Amino acid sequence: MVRSAEKPASRRIIVERYTWLERVTHLVHLVAMFTLLITGFKIYFGWDFMSFQTARAFHMIAVPFFPGRKLDSCSL
């Protein structure tokens, strides 16, 4: 009789890729990215679906939620 190469389920190591906090962070980042894209195009091209002041306000609110890189990294 040949044994299975897999370990029993109780002895397997399960790796969690992302915590719930990282998932929420990615979701906020995604929403901020789309907000920046839409309001940026509105500001640049002058689309008529919202006023310039509203687009600029949403744009400025979304900026801190879309960091370009980690703030604690020392490499430039």
C-alpha atoms as a PDB file:
ATOM      1  CA  MET A   1       0.000   0.000   0.000  1.00  0.00           C
ATOM      2  CA  VAL A   2       1.353   3.442  -0.971  1.00  0.00           C
ATOM      3  CA  ARG A   3       0.958   6.307   1.463  1.00  0.00           C
ATOM      4  CA  SER A   4      -0.248   9.691   0.297  1.00  0.00           C
ATOM      5  CA  ALA A   5       2.427  12.369   0.021  1.00  0.00           C
ATOM      6  CA  GLU A   6       0.156  14.882   1.741  1.00  0.00           C
ATOM      7  CA  LYS A   7       0.189  15.339   5.480  1.00  0.00           C
ATOM      8  CA  PRO A   8      -3.042  14.969   7.417  1.00  0.00           C
ATOM      9  CA  ALA A   9      -5.145  18.143   7.548  1.00  0.00           C
ATOM     10  CA  SER A  10      -4.423  18.712  11.238  1.00  0.00           C
ATOM     11  CA  ARG A  11      -0.641  18.896  10.645  1.00  0.00           C
ATOM     12  CA  ARG A  12      -0.583  21.113   7.543  1.00  0.00           C
ATOM     13  CA  ILE A  13       0.719  24.647   7.813  1.00  0.00           C
ATOM     14  CA  ILE A  14      -1.768  27.179   6.497  1.00  0.00           C
ATOM     15  CA  VAL A  15      -0.369  30.480   5.271  1.00  0.00           C
ATOM     16  CA  GLU A  16      -2.574  33.523   5.397  1.00  0.00           C
ATOM     17  CA  ARG A  17      -1.698  35.901   2.589  1.00  0.00           C
ATOM     18  CA  TYR A  18      -3.431  39.071   3.708  1.00  0.00           C
ATOM     19  CA  THR A  19      -4.946  40.096   7.003  1.00  0.00           C
ATOM     20  CA  TRP A  20      -8.278  41.898   7.097  1.00  0.00           C
ATOM     21  CA  LEU A  21      -6.440  45.184   7.740  1.00  0.00           C
ATOM     22  CA  GLU A  22      -4.313  44.733   4.616  1.00  0.00           C
ATOM     23  CA  ARG A  23      -7.436  43.944   2.591  1.00  0.00           C
ATOM     24  CA  VAL A  24      -9.164  47.095   3.845  1.00  0.00           C
ATOM     25  CA  THR A  25      -6.016  49.094   3.060  1.00  0.00           C
ATOM     26  CA  HIS A  26      -5.965  47.739  -0.494  1.00  0.00           C
ATOM     27  CA  LEU A  27      -9.654  48.593  -0.924  1.00  0.00           C
ATOM     28  CA  VAL A  28      -9.112  52.173   0.300  1.00  0.00           C
ATOM     29  CA  HIS A  29      -6.116  52.462  -2.022  1.00  0.00           C
ATOM     30  CA  LEU A  30      -8.213  51.230  -4.974  1.00  0.00           C
ATOM     31  CA  VAL A  31     -11.044  53.685  -4.259  1.00  0.00           C
ATOM     32  CA  ALA A  32      -8.532  56.537  -3.888  1.00  0.00           C
ATOM     33  CA  MET A  33      -6.886  55.570  -7.182  1.00  0.00           C
ATOM     34  CA  PHE A  34     -10.172  55.705  -9.093  1.00  0.00           C
ATOM     35  CA  THR A  35     -11.142  58.964  -7.385  1.00  0.00           C
ATOM     36  CA  LEU A  36      -7.816  60.513  -8.362  1.00  0.00           C
ATOM     37  CA  LEU A  37      -8.123  59.297 -11.951  1.00  0.00           C
ATOM     38  CA  ILE A  38     -11.695  60.517 -12.455  1.00  0.00           C
ATOM     39  CA  THR A  39     -11.233  63.891 -10.750  1.00  0.00           C
ATOM     40  CA  GLY A  40      -7.839  64.383 -12.403  1.00  0.00           C
ATOM     41  CA  PHE A  41      -9.302  63.854 -15.859  1.00  0.00           C
ATOM     42  CA  LYS A  42     -12.186  66.163 -14.971  1.00  0.00           C
ATOM     43  CA  ILE A  43      -9.768  68.893 -13.860  1.00  0.00           C
ATOM     44  CA  TYR A  44      -7.490  68.439 -16.871  1.00  0.00           C
ATOM     45  CA  PHE A  45     -10.080  67.962 -19.626  1.00  0.00           C
ATOM     46  CA  GLY A  46     -12.892  70.050 -18.111  1.00  0.00           C
ATOM     47  CA  TRP A  47     -15.589  67.361 -18.180  1.00  0.00           C
ATOM     48  CA  ASP A  48     -19.038  68.674 -17.251  1.00  0.00           C
ATOM     49  CA  PHE A  49     -20.297  66.071 -14.762  1.00  0.00           C
ATOM     50  CA  MET A  50     -19.176  68.057 -11.677  1.00  0.00           C
ATOM     51  CA  SER A  51     -17.848  71.498 -10.912  1.00  0.00           C
ATOM     52  CA  PHE A  52     -14.144  72.245 -10.841  1.00  0.00           C
ATOM     53  CA  GLN A  53     -14.229  73.077  -7.113  1.00  0.00           C
ATOM     54  CA  THR A  54     -15.936  69.783  -6.226  1.00  0.00           C
ATOM     55  CA  ALA A  55     -13.496  67.772  -8.343  1.00  0.00           C
ATOM     56  CA  ARG A  56     -10.543  69.567  -6.776  1.00  0.00           C
ATOM     57  CA  ALA A  57     -11.908  68.977  -3.260  1.00  0.00           C
ATOM     58  CA  PHE A  58     -12.389  65.233  -3.912  1.00  0.00           C
ATOM     59  CA  HIS A  59      -8.952  65.110  -5.498  1.00  0.00           C
ATOM     60  CA  MET A  60      -7.273  66.716  -2.481  1.00  0.00           C
ATOM     61  CA  ILE A  61      -9.162  64.440  -0.050  1.00  0.00           C
ATOM     62  CA  ALA A  62      -8.086  61.310  -1.964  1.00  0.00           C
ATOM     63  CA  VAL A  63      -4.389  62.250  -2.185  1.00  0.00           C
ATOM     64  CA  PRO A  64      -3.355  61.123   1.342  1.00  0.00           C
ATOM     65  CA  PHE A  65      -5.004  57.724   0.817  1.00  0.00           C
ATOM     66  CA  PHE A  66      -2.880  56.985  -2.263  1.00  0.00           C
ATOM     67  CA  PRO A  67       0.733  56.972  -1.103  1.00  0.00           C
ATOM     68  CA  GLY A  68       3.368  56.565  -3.754  1.00  0.00           C
ATOM     69  CA  ARG A  69       5.544  54.433  -1.504  1.00  0.00           C
ATOM     70  CA  LYS A  70       5.872  53.497   2.123  1.00  0.00           C
ATOM     71  CA  LEU A  71       6.690  56.422   4.336  1.00  0.00           C
ATOM     72  CA  ASP A  72       8.998  54.407   6.574  1.00  0.00           C
ATOM     73  CA  SER A  73      11.309  53.315   3.773  1.00  0.00           C
ATOM     74  CA  CYS A  74      14.700  54.983   3.802  1.00  0.00           C
ATOM     75  CA  SER A  75      15.806  54.099   0.286  1.00  0.00           C
ATOM     76  CA  LEU A  76      15.322  56.801  -2.306  1.00  0.00           C
END
